[in-house]
Protein backbone atom coordinates (compact mmCIF):
# COMPACT_ATOMS: atom_id res chain seq x y z
CA MET A 1 -220.72 -123.70 32.58
CA ARG A 2 -223.16 -126.05 34.31
CA SER A 3 -221.95 -124.96 37.74
CA LEU A 4 -222.74 -121.34 36.88
CA LEU A 5 -226.25 -122.31 35.83
CA ALA A 6 -226.60 -124.26 39.07
CA VAL A 7 -225.70 -121.23 41.15
CA LEU A 8 -228.20 -119.03 39.32
CA ALA A 9 -230.97 -121.60 39.53
CA VAL A 10 -230.43 -122.16 43.24
CA CYS A 11 -230.36 -118.40 43.87
CA ALA A 12 -233.62 -118.02 41.99
CA LEU A 13 -235.21 -120.81 44.02
CA ALA A 14 -233.96 -119.43 47.33
CA SER A 15 -235.33 -115.97 46.64
CA ALA A 16 -238.80 -117.14 45.59
CA PRO A 17 -241.57 -116.33 48.09
CA ALA A 18 -243.35 -119.24 49.73
CA HIS A 19 -246.56 -118.53 47.81
CA ALA A 20 -244.79 -118.50 44.39
CA ILE A 21 -245.82 -120.92 41.69
CA ASP A 22 -243.86 -124.17 41.71
CA THR A 23 -242.92 -124.29 38.03
CA THR A 24 -240.80 -122.20 35.71
CA GLY A 25 -240.34 -121.97 31.97
CA ARG A 26 -237.32 -119.68 32.09
CA LEU A 27 -233.85 -119.54 33.59
CA ILE A 28 -231.43 -116.68 34.08
CA VAL A 29 -227.90 -117.51 32.98
CA ARG A 30 -224.75 -115.45 33.25
CA PHE A 31 -221.78 -116.65 31.23
CA LYS A 32 -218.17 -116.03 32.16
CA ASP A 33 -216.16 -114.12 29.54
CA ALA A 34 -213.28 -116.30 28.40
CA GLY A 35 -211.28 -115.36 25.32
CA GLU A 36 -212.86 -116.70 22.15
CA ARG A 37 -216.13 -117.46 23.94
CA ALA A 38 -216.52 -113.78 24.87
CA ARG A 39 -216.80 -112.89 21.18
CA ARG A 40 -219.69 -115.28 20.54
CA LEU A 41 -223.30 -114.20 20.52
CA PRO A 42 -225.39 -115.10 23.58
CA ALA A 43 -227.54 -117.38 21.41
CA GLN A 44 -224.41 -119.39 20.55
CA HIS A 45 -223.58 -119.76 24.25
CA VAL A 46 -227.15 -120.93 24.91
CA ALA A 47 -226.92 -123.48 22.08
CA GLU A 48 -223.77 -124.92 23.70
CA LEU A 49 -225.47 -124.99 27.09
CA ALA A 50 -228.49 -126.78 25.60
CA ALA A 51 -226.23 -129.39 24.00
CA ASP A 52 -224.36 -129.91 27.29
CA ALA A 53 -227.58 -130.20 29.30
CA GLY A 54 -229.41 -132.31 26.71
CA VAL A 55 -232.42 -129.98 26.92
CA PRO A 56 -233.66 -127.67 24.18
CA LEU A 57 -233.17 -124.07 25.29
CA ALA A 58 -233.97 -120.83 23.50
CA HIS A 59 -232.29 -117.48 24.08
CA LEU A 60 -234.97 -114.87 24.83
CA ARG A 61 -233.16 -111.68 25.75
CA ALA A 62 -230.23 -110.06 27.46
CA MET A 63 -230.61 -108.43 30.87
CA ALA A 64 -229.01 -105.18 31.98
CA ILE A 65 -226.76 -107.05 34.43
CA GLY A 66 -225.13 -109.04 31.63
CA ALA A 67 -227.15 -112.20 32.21
CA GLN A 68 -229.34 -113.90 29.62
CA VAL A 69 -232.96 -115.04 29.90
CA VAL A 70 -233.29 -118.56 28.53
CA ALA A 71 -236.56 -120.40 27.82
CA LEU A 72 -237.16 -124.06 28.53
CA PRO A 73 -239.32 -125.98 26.03
CA SER A 74 -242.14 -126.12 28.60
CA PRO A 75 -242.61 -125.18 32.25
CA VAL A 76 -240.93 -127.61 34.64
CA PRO A 77 -241.10 -128.03 38.41
CA LEU A 78 -238.56 -125.91 40.26
CA ALA A 79 -236.78 -129.06 41.45
CA ASP A 80 -236.30 -130.14 37.83
CA ALA A 81 -234.99 -126.67 36.90
CA ALA A 82 -232.48 -126.91 39.74
CA ALA A 83 -231.48 -130.39 38.52
CA LEU A 84 -230.75 -128.98 35.06
CA ALA A 85 -228.15 -126.78 36.67
């Protein structure tokens, strides 16, 4: 699960324009469907991710592409967001 978050965080960092702000308070996460896990609510997936990462995360909303928008407790530098992944 952490490797998936890493890929999304790195993609987000790579696509940011040079003049973009250097902090973020949100991450975009896409979970793989896997049996029992696929039947859980996104908020339950985010709670597991938060426990694994040791960082409080809050599920904000689902995106049309099947990914989830997740909030960090406070804005962090982009390098720290990438390290969470």
